[in-house]
PDB file of N, CA and C in Angstrom:
ATOM      1  N   MET A   1     -21.590  21.723   7.451  1.00  0.00           N
ATOM      2  CA  MET A   1     -20.410  22.096   6.229  1.00  0.00           C
ATOM      3  C   MET A   1     -20.309  21.604   5.338  1.00  0.00           C
ATOM      4  N   ASN A   2     -19.727  22.007   3.885  1.00  0.00           N
ATOM      5  CA  ASN A   2     -20.451  20.554   2.408  1.00  0.00           C
ATOM      6  C   ASN A   2     -19.362  20.264   2.673  1.00  0.00           C
ATOM      7  N   PRO A   3     -18.279  19.532   2.441  1.00  0.00           N
ATOM      8  CA  PRO A   3     -17.781  18.904   1.932  1.00  0.00           C
ATOM      9  C   PRO A   3     -17.811  19.004   0.326  1.00  0.00           C
ATOM     10  N   LYS A   4     -16.986  18.957  -0.800  1.00  0.00           N
ATOM     11  CA  LYS A   4     -16.540  20.054  -1.871  1.00  0.00           C
ATOM     12  C   LYS A   4     -15.797  18.328  -2.313  1.00  0.00           C
ATOM     13  N   ASN A   5     -16.301  17.326  -4.179  1.00  0.00           N
ATOM     14  CA  ASN A   5     -15.691  16.540  -4.714  1.00  0.00           C
ATOM     15  C   ASN A   5     -14.186  16.733  -5.427  1.00  0.00           C
ATOM     16  N   TYR A   6     -13.747  16.192  -5.110  1.00  0.00           N
ATOM     17  CA  TYR A   6     -12.092  16.649  -5.602  1.00  0.00           C
ATOM     18  C   TYR A   6     -12.290  17.066  -7.761  1.00  0.00           C
ATOM     19  N   LYS A   7     -13.332  16.498  -8.084  1.00  0.00           N
ATOM     20  CA  LYS A   7     -13.101  17.298  -8.905  1.00  0.00           C
ATOM     21  C   LYS A   7     -13.353  19.000  -9.147  1.00  0.00           C
ATOM     22  N   ASP A   8     -14.673  19.258  -8.198  1.00  0.00           N
ATOM     23  CA  ASP A   8     -14.627  20.499  -7.825  1.00  0.00           C
ATOM     24  C   ASP A   8     -12.904  21.654  -8.541  1.00  0.00           C
ATOM     25  N   PHE A   9     -11.676  21.158  -7.316  1.00  0.00           N
ATOM     26  CA  PHE A   9     -10.743  22.043  -7.249  1.00  0.00           C
ATOM     27  C   PHE A   9     -10.288  21.894  -8.975  1.00  0.00           C
ATOM     28  N   TYR A  10     -10.439  21.100  -9.741  1.00  0.00           N
ATOM     29  CA  TYR A  10      -9.617  21.102 -10.873  1.00  0.00           C
ATOM     30  C   TYR A  10      -9.411  22.650 -11.545  1.00  0.00           C
ATOM     31  N   GLU A  11     -10.614  23.230 -11.637  1.00  0.00           N
ATOM     32  CA  GLU A  11     -10.591  24.714 -12.243  1.00  0.00           C
ATOM     33  C   GLU A  11     -10.437  25.314 -11.759  1.00  0.00           C
ATOM     34  N   ASP A  12      -9.874  25.232 -10.335  1.00  0.00           N
ATOM     35  CA  ASP A  12      -9.256  25.846  -9.696  1.00  0.00           C
ATOM     36  C   ASP A  12      -8.605  26.670  -9.814  1.00  0.00           C
ATOM     37  N   VAL A  13      -7.308  25.287 -10.078  1.00  0.00           N
ATOM     38  CA  VAL A  13      -5.738  25.362 -10.106  1.00  0.00           C
ATOM     39  C   VAL A  13      -5.753  24.890 -10.723  1.00  0.00           C
ATOM     40  N   ALA A  14      -5.982  24.720 -11.902  1.00  0.00           N
ATOM     41  CA  ALA A  14      -5.807  25.105 -13.957  1.00  0.00           C
ATOM     42  C   ALA A  14      -5.129  26.076 -14.210  1.00  0.00           C
ATOM     43  N   LYS A  15      -6.252  27.467 -12.782  1.00  0.00           N
ATOM     44  CA  LYS A  15      -6.280  28.447 -13.425  1.00  0.00           C
ATOM     45  C   LYS A  15      -5.279  28.910 -13.101  1.00  0.00           C
ATOM     46  N   GLU A  16      -4.436  28.747 -11.246  1.00  0.00           N
ATOM     47  CA  GLU A  16      -3.935  29.126 -10.964  1.00  0.00           C
ATOM     48  C   GLU A  16      -2.224  28.485 -11.725  1.00  0.00           C
ATOM     49  N   ALA A  17      -2.496  27.414 -11.618  1.00  0.00           N
ATOM     50  CA  ALA A  17      -1.052  26.651 -12.568  1.00  0.00           C
ATOM     51  C   ALA A  17      -1.105  27.577 -14.020  1.00  0.00           C
ATOM     52  N   GLU A  18      -1.803  28.037 -14.153  1.00  0.00           N
ATOM     53  CA  GLU A  18      -2.199  28.340 -15.668  1.00  0.00           C
ATOM     54  C   GLU A  18      -2.115  27.158 -16.426  1.00  0.00           C
ATOM     55  N   VAL A  19      -2.834  26.802 -17.152  1.00  0.00           N
ATOM     56  CA  VAL A  19      -2.898  25.096 -17.626  1.00  0.00           C
ATOM     57  C   VAL A  19      -4.002  25.048 -18.095  1.00  0.00           C
ATOM     58  N   HIS A  20      -3.895  23.982 -18.710  1.00  0.00           N
ATOM     59  CA  HIS A  20      -5.686  23.275 -18.831  1.00  0.00           C
ATOM     60  C   HIS A  20      -6.325  22.609 -17.744  1.00  0.00           C
ATOM     61  N   LYS A  21      -7.873  22.199 -17.897  1.00  0.00           N
ATOM     62  CA  LYS A  21      -8.746  21.314 -16.836  1.00  0.00           C
ATOM     63  C   LYS A  21      -8.340  20.326 -16.773  1.00  0.00           C
ATOM     64  N   ASP A  22      -7.949  19.593 -18.345  1.00  0.00           N
ATOM     65  CA  ASP A  22      -7.859  18.021 -18.739  1.00  0.00           C
ATOM     66  C   ASP A  22      -6.735  18.235 -17.647  1.00  0.00           C
ATOM     67  N   LEU A  23      -5.042  18.703 -18.056  1.00  0.00           N
ATOM     68  CA  LEU A  23      -3.957  18.734 -17.726  1.00  0.00           C
ATOM     69  C   LEU A  23      -3.809  18.445 -15.856  1.00  0.00           C
ATOM     70  N   VAL A  24      -4.951  18.477 -15.354  1.00  0.00           N
ATOM     71  CA  VAL A  24      -4.716  19.061 -14.570  1.00  0.00           C
ATOM     72  C   VAL A  24      -5.369  17.264 -13.672  1.00  0.00           C
ATOM     73  N   SER A  25      -6.065  17.075 -14.468  1.00  0.00           N
ATOM     74  CA  SER A  25      -7.175  16.033 -14.214  1.00  0.00           C
ATOM     75  C   SER A  25      -6.314  14.600 -14.093  1.00  0.00           C
ATOM     76  N   ASP A  26      -5.936  14.745 -15.702  1.00  0.00           N
ATOM     77  CA  ASP A  26      -4.495  13.036 -15.879  1.00  0.00           C
ATOM     78  C   ASP A  26      -3.780  13.603 -14.528  1.00  0.00           C
ATOM     79  N   PHE A  27      -2.566  14.831 -14.604  1.00  0.00           N
ATOM     80  CA  PHE A  27      -2.032  14.679 -13.708  1.00  0.00           C
ATOM     81  C   PHE A  27      -2.033  14.142 -12.353  1.00  0.00           C
ATOM     82  N   ILE A  28      -3.528  14.973 -12.083  1.00  0.00           N
ATOM     83  CA  ILE A  28      -4.019  13.663 -10.524  1.00  0.00           C
ATOM     84  C   ILE A  28      -4.520  12.139 -10.581  1.00  0.00           C
ATOM     85  N   SER A  29      -4.878  11.618 -11.786  1.00  0.00           N
ATOM     86  CA  SER A  29      -5.629  10.516 -11.302  1.00  0.00           C
ATOM     87  C   SER A  29      -3.982  10.057 -12.071  1.00  0.00           C
ATOM     88  N   PHE A  30      -2.829  10.097 -12.524  1.00  0.00           N
ATOM     89  CA  PHE A  30      -1.441   8.972 -12.674  1.00  0.00           C
ATOM     90  C   PHE A  30      -0.621   9.050 -11.194  1.00  0.00           C
ATOM     91  N   PHE A  31      -1.428  11.196 -10.649  1.00  0.00           N
ATOM     92  CA  PHE A  31      -0.862  10.414  -9.317  1.00  0.00           C
ATOM     93  C   PHE A  31      -0.562   9.651  -8.209  1.00  0.00           C
ATOM     94  N   TYR A  32      -2.001   9.636  -8.074  1.00  0.00           N
ATOM     95  CA  TYR A  32      -3.160   8.858  -7.317  1.00  0.00           C
ATOM     96  C   TYR A  32      -3.362   6.903  -8.245  1.00  0.00           C
ATOM     97  N   SER A  33      -2.149   7.382  -8.856  1.00  0.00           N
ATOM     98  CA  SER A  33      -2.277   5.854  -9.674  1.00  0.00           C
ATOM     99  C   SER A  33      -1.453   5.287  -8.701  1.00  0.00           C
ATOM    100  N   LYS A  34      -0.592   5.908  -8.930  1.00  0.00           N
ATOM    101  CA  LYS A  34       0.654   5.194  -8.858  1.00  0.00           C
ATOM    102  C   LYS A  34       0.886   5.607  -6.903  1.00  0.00           C
ATOM    103  N   VAL A  35      -0.070   6.595  -6.442  1.00  0.00           N
ATOM    104  CA  VAL A  35       0.262   6.385  -4.929  1.00  0.00           C
ATOM    105  C   VAL A  35      -0.743   4.563  -4.327  1.00  0.00           C
ATOM    106  N   ARG A  36      -2.056   4.443  -5.225  1.00  0.00           N
ATOM    107  CA  ARG A  36      -2.694   3.319  -5.054  1.00  0.00           C
ATOM    108  C   ARG A  36      -1.439   1.956  -5.256  1.00  0.00           C
ATOM    109  N   TYR A  37      -0.767   1.821  -6.182  1.00  0.00           N
ATOM    110  CA  TYR A  37       0.275   0.889  -6.945  1.00  0.00           C
ATOM    111  C   TYR A  37       0.817   0.329  -6.165  1.00  0.00           C
ATOM    112  N   ASN A  38       1.587   1.618  -5.214  1.00  0.00           N
ATOM    113  CA  ASN A  38       2.578   1.415  -4.299  1.00  0.00           C
ATOM    114  C   ASN A  38       2.122   1.018  -2.638  1.00  0.00           C
ATOM    115  N   LEU A  39       1.208   1.563  -2.110  1.00  0.00           N
ATOM    116  CA  LEU A  39       0.382   1.013  -1.222  1.00  0.00           C
ATOM    117  C   LEU A  39      -0.087  -0.131  -1.383  1.00  0.00           C
ATOM    118  N   SER A  40      -1.224  -1.359  -2.359  1.00  0.00           N
ATOM    119  CA  SER A  40      -0.954  -2.227  -2.878  1.00  0.00           C
ATOM    120  C   SER A  40       0.061  -3.227  -3.187  1.00  0.00           C
ATOM    121  N   THR A  41       1.102  -2.505  -3.522  1.00  0.00           N
ATOM    122  CA  THR A  41       1.805  -3.946  -3.163  1.00  0.00           C
ATOM    123  C   THR A  41       3.333  -4.435  -2.657  1.00  0.00           C
ATOM    124  N   LEU A  42       3.242  -3.286  -1.310  1.00  0.00           N
ATOM    125  CA  LEU A  42       3.867  -3.375  -0.270  1.00  0.00           C
ATOM    126  C   LEU A  42       4.784  -3.462  -0.238  1.00  0.00           C
ATOM    127  N   SER A  43       5.658  -2.953  -1.615  1.00  0.00           N
ATOM    128  CA  SER A  43       6.784  -2.651  -1.742  1.00  0.00           C
ATOM    129  C   SER A  43       7.401  -1.853  -0.735  1.00  0.00           C
ATOM    130  N   ASN A  44       6.695  -1.172   0.383  1.00  0.00           N
ATOM    131  CA  ASN A  44       6.991  -0.183   1.026  1.00  0.00           C
ATOM    132  C   ASN A  44       6.733  -0.139   2.906  1.00  0.00           C
ATOM    133  N   PRO A  45       7.292  -0.500   3.883  1.00  0.00           N
ATOM    134  CA  PRO A  45       6.522   0.010   5.099  1.00  0.00           C
ATOM    135  C   PRO A  45       6.101   0.536   5.089  1.00  0.00           C
ATOM    136  N   LYS A  46       6.870   1.911   4.915  1.00  0.00           N
ATOM    137  CA  LYS A  46       5.728   3.421   5.134  1.00  0.00           C
ATOM    138  C   LYS A  46       6.112   3.949   3.854  1.00  0.00           C
ATOM    139  N   ILE A  47       4.939   5.339   3.066  1.00  0.00           N
ATOM    140  CA  ILE A  47       5.028   6.053   2.135  1.00  0.00           C
ATOM    141  C   ILE A  47       4.595   7.158   2.592  1.00  0.00           C
ATOM    142  N   ASN A  48       5.370   8.257   1.976  1.00  0.00           N
ATOM    143  CA  ASN A  48       5.805   9.477   2.678  1.00  0.00           C
ATOM    144  C   ASN A  48       4.699  10.200   1.285  1.00  0.00           C
ATOM    145  N   LEU A  49       3.957  10.405   1.328  1.00  0.00           N
ATOM    146  CA  LEU A  49       2.744  11.629   0.069  1.00  0.00           C
ATOM    147  C   LEU A  49       3.297  12.791   1.139  1.00  0.00           C
ATOM    148  N   PRO A  50       4.323  14.352   0.653  1.00  0.00           N
ATOM    149  CA  PRO A  50       4.258  15.440   0.895  1.00  0.00           C
ATOM    150  C   PRO A  50       2.639  15.988   0.727  1.00  0.00           C
ATOM    151  N   GLY A  51       2.101  16.600   2.499  1.00  0.00           N
ATOM    152  CA  GLY A  51       1.144  16.668   2.112  1.00  0.00           C
ATOM    153  C   GLY A  51      -0.120  16.529   2.696  1.00  0.00           C
ATOM    154  N   LEU A  52      -0.156  14.986   2.689  1.00  0.00           N
ATOM    155  CA  LEU A  52      -0.927  14.445   3.132  1.00  0.00           C
ATOM    156  C   LEU A  52      -0.708  13.267   4.395  1.00  0.00           C
ATOM    157  N   GLY A  53       0.808  13.725   4.278  1.00  0.00           N
ATOM    158  CA  GLY A  53       0.996  12.153   5.429  1.00  0.00           C
ATOM    159  C   GLY A  53       1.854  10.902   5.245  1.00  0.00           C
ATOM    160  N   THR A  54       1.768  10.698   6.422  1.00  0.00           N
ATOM    161  CA  THR A  54       2.385   9.119   6.026  1.00  0.00           C
ATOM    162  C   THR A  54       1.921   8.079   5.987  1.00  0.00           C
ATOM    163  N   PHE A  55       1.945   7.300   5.256  1.00  0.00           N
ATOM    164  CA  PHE A  55       1.102   6.380   5.482  1.00  0.00           C
ATOM    165  C   PHE A  55       2.007   4.745   6.022  1.00  0.00           C
ATOM    166  N   LYS A  56       1.809   3.538   7.367  1.00  0.00           N
ATOM    167  CA  LYS A  56       1.968   2.860   7.313  1.00  0.00           C
ATOM    168  C   LYS A  56       1.570   1.793   7.301  1.00  0.00           C
ATOM    169  N   ILE A  57       1.983   0.691   7.314  1.00  0.00           N
ATOM    170  CA  ILE A  57       1.648  -0.933   7.038  1.00  0.00           C
ATOM    171  C   ILE A  57       1.194  -1.132   8.151  1.00  0.00           C
ATOM    172  N   ARG A  58       0.074  -1.698   9.302  1.00  0.00           N
ATOM    173  CA  ARG A  58      -0.149  -2.071  10.216  1.00  0.00           C
ATOM    174  C   ARG A  58       0.368  -3.895  10.976  1.00  0.00           C
ATOM    175  N   LYS A  59       0.974  -3.611  11.605  1.00  0.00           N
ATOM    176  CA  LYS A  59       1.809  -4.768  11.681  1.00  0.00           C
ATOM    177  C   LYS A  59       0.683  -5.914  11.982  1.00  0.00           C
ATOM    178  N   GLY A  60       0.138  -5.472  13.001  1.00  0.00           N
ATOM    179  CA  GLY A  60      -1.081  -5.898  13.269  1.00  0.00           C
ATOM    180  C   GLY A  60      -2.487  -7.172  12.092  1.00  0.00           C
ATOM    181  N   LYS A  61      -2.404  -5.509  11.349  1.00  0.00           N
ATOM    182  CA  LYS A  61      -3.149  -6.288  10.365  1.00  0.00           C
ATOM    183  C   LYS A  61      -2.441  -7.004   9.661  1.00  0.00           C
ATOM    184  N   LEU A  62      -1.510  -6.368   9.065  1.00  0.00           N
ATOM    185  CA  LEU A  62      -0.899  -7.696   8.606  1.00  0.00           C
ATOM    186  C   LEU A  62      -0.858  -9.179   8.629  1.00  0.00           C
ATOM    187  N   LYS A  63      -0.452  -9.647   9.804  1.00  0.00           N
ATOM    188  CA  LYS A  63      -0.365 -10.477  10.770  1.00  0.00           C
ATOM    189  C   LYS A  63      -1.974 -11.044  10.196  1.00  0.00           C
ATOM    190  N   ASN A  64      -2.627 -10.226  10.556  1.00  0.00           N
ATOM    191  CA  ASN A  64      -3.749 -11.114  10.419  1.00  0.00           C
ATOM    192  C   ASN A  64      -4.363 -11.651   8.809  1.00  0.00           C
ATOM    193  N   ALA A  65      -3.883 -10.788   7.819  1.00  0.00           N
ATOM    194  CA  ALA A  65      -3.910 -11.042   6.828  1.00  0.00           C
ATOM    195  C   ALA A  65      -2.803 -12.721   5.828  1.00  0.00           C
ATOM    196  N   ILE A  66      -2.122 -12.358   7.027  1.00  0.00           N
ATOM    197  CA  ILE A  66      -0.719 -13.699   7.153  1.00  0.00           C
ATOM    198  C   ILE A  66      -1.456 -14.640   6.959  1.00  0.00           C
ATOM    199  N   LYS A  67      -2.355 -14.654   8.242  1.00  0.00           N
ATOM    200  CA  LYS A  67      -2.942 -15.715   8.402  1.00  0.00           C
ATOM    201  C   LYS A  67      -4.197 -16.185   7.555  1.00  0.00           C
ATOM    202  N   ARG A  68      -5.088 -15.029   7.432  1.00  0.00           N
ATOM    203  CA  ARG A  68      -5.781 -15.238   6.628  1.00  0.00           C
ATOM    204  C   ARG A  68      -5.399 -15.831   5.143  1.00  0.00           C
ATOM    205  N   ASN A  69      -4.726 -15.715   4.631  1.00  0.00           N
ATOM    206  CA  ASN A  69      -4.140 -16.070   3.820  1.00  0.00           C
ATOM    207  C   ASN A  69      -3.148 -18.097   3.085  1.00  0.00           C
ATOM    208  N   LYS A  70      -2.365 -18.031   5.439  1.00  0.00           N
ATOM    209  CA  LYS A  70      -2.264 -19.176   4.747  1.00  0.00           C
ATOM    210  C   LYS A  70      -3.714 -20.566   4.441  1.00  0.00           C
ATOM    211  N   ASP A  71      -5.029 -19.897   5.729  1.00  0.00           N
ATOM    212  CA  ASP A  71      -6.095 -20.778   6.030  1.00  0.00           C
ATOM    213  C   ASP A  71      -6.417 -21.067   4.509  1.00  0.00           C
ATOM    214  N   ILE A  72      -6.314 -19.501   3.692  1.00  0.00           N
ATOM    215  CA  ILE A  72      -6.591 -19.642   1.892  1.00  0.00           C
ATOM    216  C   ILE A  72      -6.505 -20.933   1.171  1.00  0.00           C
ATOM    217  N   LEU A  73      -4.493 -20.943   1.253  1.00  0.00           N
ATOM    218  CA  LEU A  73      -4.514 -22.115   1.000  1.00  0.00           C
ATOM    219  C   LEU A  73      -4.545 -23.038   1.542  1.00  0.00           C
ATOM    220  N   GLY A  74      -4.290 -23.142   2.811  1.00  0.00           N
ATOM    221  CA  GLY A  74      -4.528 -24.975   3.574  1.00  0.00           C
ATOM    222  C   GLY A  74      -6.698 -25.345   2.672  1.00  0.00           C
ATOM    223  N   ASN A  75      -6.783 -24.639   2.301  1.00  0.00           N
ATOM    224  CA  ASN A  75      -8.249 -25.199   1.725  1.00  0.00           C
ATOM    225  C   ASN A  75      -8.096 -25.393   0.322  1.00  0.00           C
ATOM    226  N   ILE A  76      -7.430 -24.931  -0.666  1.00  0.00           N
ATOM    227  CA  ILE A  76      -7.274 -24.963  -1.552  1.00  0.00           C
ATOM    228  C   ILE A  76      -6.801 -26.077  -2.269  1.00  0.00           C
ATOM    229  N   GLU A  77      -7.810 -27.047  -3.356  1.00  0.00           N
ATOM    230  CA  GLU A  77      -6.558 -28.120  -3.688  1.00  0.00           C
ATOM    231  C   GLU A  77      -5.765 -28.374  -4.975  1.00  0.00           C
ATOM    232  N   LYS A  78      -4.576 -28.157  -4.874  1.00  0.00           N
ATOM    233  CA  LYS A  78      -3.447 -28.197  -5.565  1.00  0.00           C
ATOM    234  C   LYS A  78      -3.153 -29.066  -5.915  1.00  0.00           C
ATOM    235  N   ARG A  79      -4.015 -30.479  -6.041  1.00  0.00           N
ATOM    236  CA  ARG A  79      -3.634 -31.622  -7.106  1.00  0.00           C
ATOM    237  C   ARG A  79      -4.192 -31.050  -8.242  1.00  0.00           C
ATOM    238  N   THR A  80      -5.183 -30.862  -8.975  1.00  0.00           N
ATOM    239  CA  THR A  80      -5.956 -30.424  -9.999  1.00  0.00           C
ATOM    240  C   THR A  80      -5.478 -29.488 -10.583  1.00  0.00           C
ATOM    241  N   TYR A  81      -5.579 -29.774 -11.575  1.00  0.00           N
ATOM    242  CA  TYR A  81      -4.608 -27.377 -12.899  1.00  0.00           C
ATOM    243  C   TYR A  81      -5.971 -26.386 -12.006  1.00  0.00           C
ATOM    244  N   LYS A  82      -7.027 -26.376 -11.872  1.00  0.00           N
ATOM    245  CA  LYS A  82      -7.353 -25.103 -11.830  1.00  0.00           C
ATOM    246  C   LYS A  82      -7.387 -25.202 -10.043  1.00  0.00           C
ATOM    247  N   GLY A  83      -7.485 -25.649  -9.654  1.00  0.00           N
ATOM    248  CA  GLY A  83      -6.735 -25.592  -7.441  1.00  0.00           C
ATOM    249  C   GLY A  83      -5.113 -24.450  -7.984  1.00  0.00           C
ATOM    250  N   TYR A  84      -4.244 -25.463  -8.563  1.00  0.00           N
ATOM    251  CA  TYR A  84      -2.921 -24.614  -8.898  1.00  0.00           C
ATOM    252  C   TYR A  84      -2.342 -23.613  -8.948  1.00  0.00           C
ATOM    253  N   ALA A  85      -3.992 -23.312 -10.642  1.00  0.00           N
ATOM    254  CA  ALA A  85      -4.154 -21.951 -10.539  1.00  0.00           C
ATOM    255  C   ALA A  85      -4.292 -21.192 -10.100  1.00  0.00           C
ATOM    256  N   LYS A  86      -5.324 -21.418  -8.925  1.00  0.00           N
ATOM    257  CA  LYS A  86      -5.596 -20.641  -8.029  1.00  0.00           C
ATOM    258  C   LYS A  86      -4.480 -20.520  -6.475  1.00  0.00           C
ATOM    259  N   HIS A  87      -3.793 -21.644  -6.410  1.00  0.00           N
ATOM    260  CA  HIS A  87      -1.984 -21.358  -5.404  1.00  0.00           C
ATOM    261  C   HIS A  87      -1.374 -20.225  -6.129  1.00  0.00           C
ATOM    262  N   LEU A  88      -1.398 -20.644  -7.335  1.00  0.00           N
ATOM    263  CA  LEU A  88       0.699 -19.887  -7.007  1.00  0.00           C
ATOM    264  C   LEU A  88      -0.006 -17.733  -6.669  1.00  0.00           C
ATOM    265  N   PRO A  89      -1.076 -17.640  -6.457  1.00  0.00           N
ATOM    266  CA  PRO A  89      -0.936 -15.617  -6.530  1.00  0.00           C
ATOM    267  C   PRO A  89      -1.233 -15.744  -4.885  1.00  0.00           C
ATOM    268  N   VAL A  90      -1.837 -16.672  -4.961  1.00  0.00           N
ATOM    269  CA  VAL A  90      -1.627 -16.932  -3.100  1.00  0.00           C
ATOM    270  C   VAL A  90      -1.098 -17.322  -2.299  1.00  0.00           C
ATOM    271  N   ILE A  91       0.215 -18.469  -2.771  1.00  0.00           N
ATOM    272  CA  ILE A  91       2.238 -17.719  -2.838  1.00  0.00           C
ATOM    273  C   ILE A  91       2.562 -16.380  -2.749  1.00  0.00           C
ATOM    274  N   ASN A  92       1.967 -16.067  -4.058  1.00  0.00           N
ATOM    275  CA  ASN A  92       3.333 -14.987  -4.188  1.00  0.00           C
ATOM    276  C   ASN A  92       2.739 -13.474  -3.322  1.00  0.00           C
ATOM    277  N   LYS A  93       1.511 -13.538  -3.101  1.00  0.00           N
ATOM    278  CA  LYS A  93       1.088 -12.692  -2.148  1.00  0.00           C
ATOM    279  C   LYS A  93       1.396 -12.910  -0.227  1.00  0.00           C
ATOM    280  N   LEU A  94       1.741 -14.123  -0.052  1.00  0.00           N
ATOM    281  CA  LEU A  94       1.908 -14.724   1.299  1.00  0.00           C
ATOM    282  C   LEU A  94       3.285 -14.424   0.930  1.00  0.00           C
ATOM    283  N   LYS A  95       4.321 -14.229   0.607  1.00  0.00           N
ATOM    284  CA  LYS A  95       5.616 -14.206   0.571  1.00  0.00           C
ATOM    285  C   LYS A  95       5.975 -12.494   0.777  1.00  0.00           C
ATOM    286  N   GLU A  96       5.378 -11.904  -0.058  1.00  0.00           N
ATOM    287  CA  GLU A  96       5.084 -10.621   0.014  1.00  0.00           C
ATOM    288  C   GLU A  96       4.140 -10.042   0.791  1.00  0.00           C
ATOM    289  N   MET A  97       3.532 -10.915   1.402  1.00  0.00           N
ATOM    290  CA  MET A  97       3.117 -10.370   2.460  1.00  0.00           C
ATOM    291  C   MET A  97       4.543 -10.570   4.140  1.00  0.00           C
ATOM    292  N   GLU A  98       5.117 -11.825   4.250  1.00  0.00           N
ATOM    293  CA  GLU A  98       6.114 -11.691   4.564  1.00  0.00           C
ATOM    294  C   GLU A  98       6.970 -11.097   4.916  1.00  0.00           C
ATOM    295  N   ASP A  99       7.512 -11.463   3.354  1.00  0.00           N
ATOM    296  CA  ASP A  99       9.021  -9.687   2.884  1.00  0.00           C
ATOM    297  C   ASP A  99       8.800  -8.517   4.027  1.00  0.00           C
ATOM    298  N   ILE A 100       7.877  -8.112   4.226  1.00  0.00           N
ATOM    299  CA  ILE A 100       7.698  -6.941   4.686  1.00  0.00           C
ATOM    300  C   ILE A 100       7.221  -7.111   5.609  1.00  0.00           C
ATOM    301  N   LEU A 101       6.938  -7.438   6.348  1.00  0.00           N
ATOM    302  CA  LEU A 101       6.432  -7.943   7.979  1.00  0.00           C
ATOM    303  C   LEU A 101       7.840  -8.375   8.335  1.00  0.00           C
ATOM    304  N   ASN A 102       8.306  -9.015   7.368  1.00  0.00           N
ATOM    305  CA  ASN A 102      10.241  -8.631   8.621  1.00  0.00           C
ATOM    306  C   ASN A 102      11.182  -7.236   8.019  1.00  0.00           C
ATOM    307  N   LYS A 103      10.611  -6.272   7.333  1.00  0.00           N
ATOM    308  CA  LYS A 103      10.791  -5.231   6.690  1.00  0.00           C
ATOM    309  C   LYS A 103      10.383  -4.405   7.932  1.00  0.00           C
ATOM    310  N   VAL A 104       9.333  -4.660   8.769  1.00  0.00           N
ATOM    311  CA  VAL A 104       8.663  -3.219  10.013  1.00  0.00           C
ATOM    312  C   VAL A 104       9.112  -4.046  11.115  1.00  0.00           C
ATOM    313  N   ASN A 105       9.664  -5.795  11.077  1.00  0.00           N
ATOM    314  CA  ASN A 105       9.715  -6.110  12.181  1.00  0.00           C
ATOM    315  C   ASN A 105      11.336  -5.685  12.417  1.00  0.00           C
ATOM    316  N   GLN A 106      11.895  -5.416  11.016  1.00  0.00           N
ATOM    317  CA  GLN A 106      13.814  -4.719  11.736  1.00  0.00           C
ATOM    318  C   GLN A 106      13.360  -3.331  11.664  1.00  0.00           C
ATOM    319  N   ASN A 107      12.390  -1.997  11.214  1.00  0.00           N
ATOM    320  CA  ASN A 107      12.334  -1.565  11.798  1.00  0.00           C
ATOM    321  C   ASN A 107      12.210  -1.255  13.056  1.00  0.00           C
ATOM    322  N   ILE A 108      11.589  -2.222  13.209  1.00  0.00           N
ATOM    323  CA  ILE A 108      10.995  -2.044  15.068  1.00  0.00           C
ATOM    324  C   ILE A 108      13.102  -1.547  15.861  1.00  0.00           C
ATOM    325  N   LYS A 109      13.243  -2.950  15.154  1.00  0.00           N
ATOM    326  CA  LYS A 109      13.663  -3.072  16.095  1.00  0.00           C
ATOM    327  C   LYS A 109      15.206  -1.944  16.060  1.00  0.00           C
ATOM    328  N   GLU A 110      15.437  -1.449  15.451  1.00  0.00           N
ATOM    329  CA  GLU A 110      16.118  -0.691  14.378  1.00  0.00           C
ATOM    330  C   GLU A 110      15.565   0.423  15.148  1.00  0.00           C
ATOM    331  N   LYS A 111      14.624   1.114  15.361  1.00  0.00           N
ATOM    332  CA  LYS A 111      14.147   2.009  15.990  1.00  0.00           C
ATOM    333  C   LYS A 111      14.874   1.698  17.921  1.00  0.00           C
ATOM    334  N   LYS A 112      14.396   0.598  18.490  1.00  0.00           N
ATOM    335  CA  LYS A 112      14.639  -0.075  19.982  1.00  0.00           C
ATOM    336  C   LYS A 112      16.184   0.155  20.107  1.00  0.00           C
ATOM    337  N   GLU A 113      17.232   0.230  18.679  1.00  0.00           N
ATOM    338  CA  GLU A 113      18.913  -0.245  19.260  1.00  0.00           C
ATOM    339  C   GLU A 113      18.629   1.969  19.406  1.00  0.00           C
ATOM    340  N   PHE A 114      18.266   2.512  18.498  1.00  0.00           N
ATOM    341  CA  PHE A 114      18.539   3.928  18.517  1.00  0.00           C
ATOM    342  C   PHE A 114      17.733   4.462  19.493  1.00  0.00           C
ATOM    343  N   LYS A 115      16.730   4.155  20.215  1.00  0.00           N
ATOM    344  CA  LYS A 115      16.930   4.410  21.124  1.00  0.00           C
ATOM    345  C   LYS A 115      17.115   4.161  22.478  1.00  0.00           C
ATOM    346  N   ASN A 116      17.620   2.843  22.786  1.00  0.00           N
ATOM    347  CA  ASN A 116      18.842   2.938  23.566  1.00  0.00           C
ATOM    348  C   ASN A 116      20.676   3.411  23.565  1.00  0.00           C
ATOM    349  N   GLU A 117      20.756   3.256  22.723  1.00  0.00           N
ATOM    350  CA  GLU A 117      21.692   3.660  22.948  1.00  0.00           C
ATOM    351  C   GLU A 117      21.976   5.477  22.740  1.00  0.00           C
ATOM    352  N   ASN A 118      20.865   6.451  22.599  1.00  0.00           N
ATOM    353  CA  ASN A 118      20.528   7.531  22.932  1.00  0.00           C
ATOM    354  C   ASN A 118      20.165   8.243  24.198  1.00  0.00           C
ATOM    355  N   LYS A 119      19.558   7.149  24.719  1.00  0.00           N
ATOM    356  CA  LYS A 119      19.693   7.656  26.108  1.00  0.00           C
ATOM    357  C   LYS A 119      20.499   8.193  27.289  1.00  0.00           C
TER     358      LYS A 119
END
């Protein structure tokens, strides 16, 4: 089996949609940049992409990332200007991770309640 590169499909899609190949390229780049942004910002615990599936945040990996960032936060010297500048992004990322962990836990709780109601 020889896998094809995604760029090989641009011409076929462009012919089928009757548009220029560059337009297809720009559209795909834009779409996947938005997908990457939504996955990396931790805005939602699940992201549904039609035709590709649903991407979920893994609770265990999220807990490990929170622990790792707390360790990093403990090792940064906050008294110096340079240390304080490194300290702020870690705190912001840690807050985002804890917020999404709360959302994940809330979703799990709601699923359990729904399951118990419908027995």
